Protein backbone atom coordinates (compact mmCIF):
# COMPACT_ATOMS: atom_id res chain seq x y z
CA UNK A 1 -273.33 -3.83 9.83
CA UNK A 2 -272.93 -0.19 10.73
CA UNK A 3 -275.00 0.86 13.68
CA UNK A 4 -277.60 3.44 12.86
CA UNK A 5 -278.10 6.33 15.21
CA UNK A 6 -280.98 5.60 17.56
CA UNK A 7 -283.85 8.01 17.24
CA UNK A 8 -286.21 8.93 20.00
CA UNK A 9 -285.76 10.35 23.46
CA UNK A 10 -282.44 10.53 25.20
CA UNK A 11 -281.46 8.19 27.99
CA UNK A 12 -283.32 8.61 31.21
CA UNK A 13 -281.97 11.23 33.57
CA UNK A 14 -281.87 10.81 37.35
CA UNK A 15 -285.40 10.94 38.62
CA UNK A 16 -286.44 12.40 41.89
CA UNK A 17 -286.70 9.93 44.76
CA UNK A 18 -290.20 8.59 45.28
CA UNK A 19 -292.29 10.53 47.76
CA UNK A 20 -293.29 8.80 50.95
CA UNK A 21 -296.95 8.06 50.70
CA UNK A 22 -298.04 6.49 53.99
CA UNK A 23 -297.25 8.68 56.97
CA UNK A 24 -296.08 6.58 59.92
CA UNK A 25 -298.13 7.09 63.04
CA UNK A 26 -296.01 7.95 65.96
CA UNK A 27 -296.87 5.83 68.95
CA UNK A 28 -296.54 6.78 72.58
CA UNK A 29 -293.64 4.42 73.14
CA UNK A 30 -291.49 6.14 70.54
CA UNK A 31 -292.26 9.53 72.00
CA UNK A 32 -291.08 8.52 75.45
CA UNK A 33 -287.88 6.90 74.23
CA UNK A 34 -287.04 10.11 72.42
CA UNK A 35 -287.44 12.10 75.60
CA UNK A 36 -285.07 9.80 77.42
CA UNK A 37 -282.39 10.14 74.76
CA UNK A 38 -281.59 13.79 75.47
CA UNK A 39 -278.24 14.16 77.25
CA UNK A 40 -278.23 15.85 80.64
CA UNK A 41 -275.80 18.47 81.68
CA UNK A 42 -273.02 16.95 83.70
CA UNK A 43 -272.11 18.71 86.97
CA UNK A 44 -268.59 20.01 86.73
CA UNK A 45 -266.11 19.30 89.47
CA UNK A 46 -264.27 22.26 90.96
CA UNK A 47 -261.10 21.63 88.88
CA UNK A 48 -262.64 20.60 85.59
CA UNK A 49 -263.02 23.16 82.79
CA UNK A 50 -266.51 24.62 82.31
CA UNK A 51 -268.54 22.26 80.20
CA UNK A 52 -270.71 23.39 77.37
CA UNK A 53 -274.33 22.42 77.37
CA UNK A 54 -274.95 20.02 74.48
CA UNK A 55 -276.53 21.76 71.51
CA UNK A 56 -280.12 20.74 70.88
CA UNK A 57 -280.08 19.63 67.30
CA UNK A 58 -283.14 20.72 65.46
CA UNK A 59 -284.45 18.18 63.03
CA UNK A 60 -283.54 18.97 59.45
CA UNK A 61 -286.55 18.83 57.25
CA UNK A 62 -286.26 16.41 54.36
CA UNK A 63 -284.99 18.48 51.50
CA UNK A 64 -287.00 18.19 48.34
CA UNK A 65 -285.44 17.30 45.01
CA UNK A 66 -284.41 20.56 43.55
CA UNK A 67 -282.11 20.29 40.47
CA UNK A 68 -281.46 24.02 40.41
CA UNK A 69 -280.21 24.05 44.00
CA UNK A 70 -278.14 20.88 43.44
CA UNK A 71 -276.54 22.50 40.41
CA UNK A 72 -275.76 25.63 42.48
CA UNK A 73 -274.22 23.50 45.21
CA UNK A 74 -272.06 21.56 42.75
CA UNK A 75 -270.91 24.86 41.25
CA UNK A 76 -270.06 26.25 44.65
CA UNK A 77 -268.13 23.06 45.60
CA UNK A 78 -266.20 23.22 42.36
CA UNK A 79 -265.38 26.89 42.98
CA UNK A 80 -264.13 26.14 46.50
CA UNK A 81 -262.02 23.24 45.27
CA UNK A 82 -260.56 25.36 42.49
CA UNK A 83 -259.72 28.12 44.88
CA UNK A 84 -258.02 25.76 47.34
CA UNK A 85 -256.02 24.15 44.55
CA UNK A 86 -254.96 27.52 43.24
CA UNK A 87 -253.82 28.62 46.68
CA UNK A 88 -251.85 25.41 47.12
CA UNK A 89 -250.28 25.55 43.65
CA UNK A 90 -249.29 29.21 44.26
CA UNK A 91 -247.44 28.19 47.42
CA UNK A 92 -245.82 25.32 45.63
CA UNK A 93 -244.79 27.58 42.78
CA UNK A 94 -243.21 30.01 45.19
CA UNK A 95 -241.17 27.31 46.92
CA UNK A 96 -240.18 25.85 43.56
CA UNK A 97 -239.01 29.23 42.38
CA UNK A 98 -236.96 29.59 45.55
CA UNK A 99 -235.35 26.21 44.97
CA UNK A 100 -234.57 26.71 41.29
CA UNK A 101 -233.68 30.37 41.41
CA UNK A 102 -230.28 30.76 39.78
CA UNK A 103 -227.43 32.02 41.89
CA UNK A 104 -227.19 35.22 39.91
CA UNK A 105 -230.77 36.11 40.79
CA UNK A 106 -230.18 35.32 44.40
CA UNK A 107 -227.10 37.56 44.44
CA UNK A 108 -229.09 40.39 42.88
CA UNK A 109 -231.74 39.83 45.54
CA UNK A 110 -229.17 40.16 48.27
CA UNK A 111 -227.77 43.32 46.77
CA UNK A 112 -231.26 44.74 47.01
CA UNK A 113 -234.18 44.81 44.65
CA UNK A 114 -234.57 41.62 42.69
CA UNK A 115 -235.33 42.29 39.11
CA UNK A 116 -236.23 39.30 37.08
CA UNK A 117 -233.52 39.03 34.54
CA UNK A 118 -235.01 39.65 31.15
CA UNK A 119 -233.36 38.80 27.85
CA UNK A 120 -232.43 42.44 27.31
CA UNK A 121 -230.84 42.68 30.75
CA UNK A 122 -228.84 39.56 30.12
CA UNK A 123 -227.67 41.02 26.82
CA UNK A 124 -226.66 44.24 28.60
CA UNK A 125 -224.67 42.23 31.12
CA UNK A 126 -222.82 40.40 28.39
CA UNK A 127 -222.09 43.66 26.65
CA UNK A 128 -220.73 45.23 29.83
CA UNK A 129 -218.49 42.21 30.45
CA UNK A 130 -217.09 42.25 26.92
CA UNK A 131 -216.10 46.01 27.17
């Protein structure tokens, strides 16, 4: 039997992650361990290069589900990828052109001023040869 088109609502979209309900109470033990974790600046020896102080990382707040922002980020990523690909393909196209460029074009280039040989130019060349 032919399947009939299902009526009703569309398939479920990705739903936001469930919010955390119970807040965890921070105990004293956890606080002290965190204090110990921080790296200390090492004393440099006279010959060693100057060391950088480790960056204090600030805690990133948990980002809320925001479809609009996610869409923007995706768009941005796509744009970057496209740009990078375009740059790479341009480079590749240039090298390919160099490899496949006919001898005649190369000769013209050496003489000064490469002009891409058009059909009309080719026809003129032929005509000049036949004279």
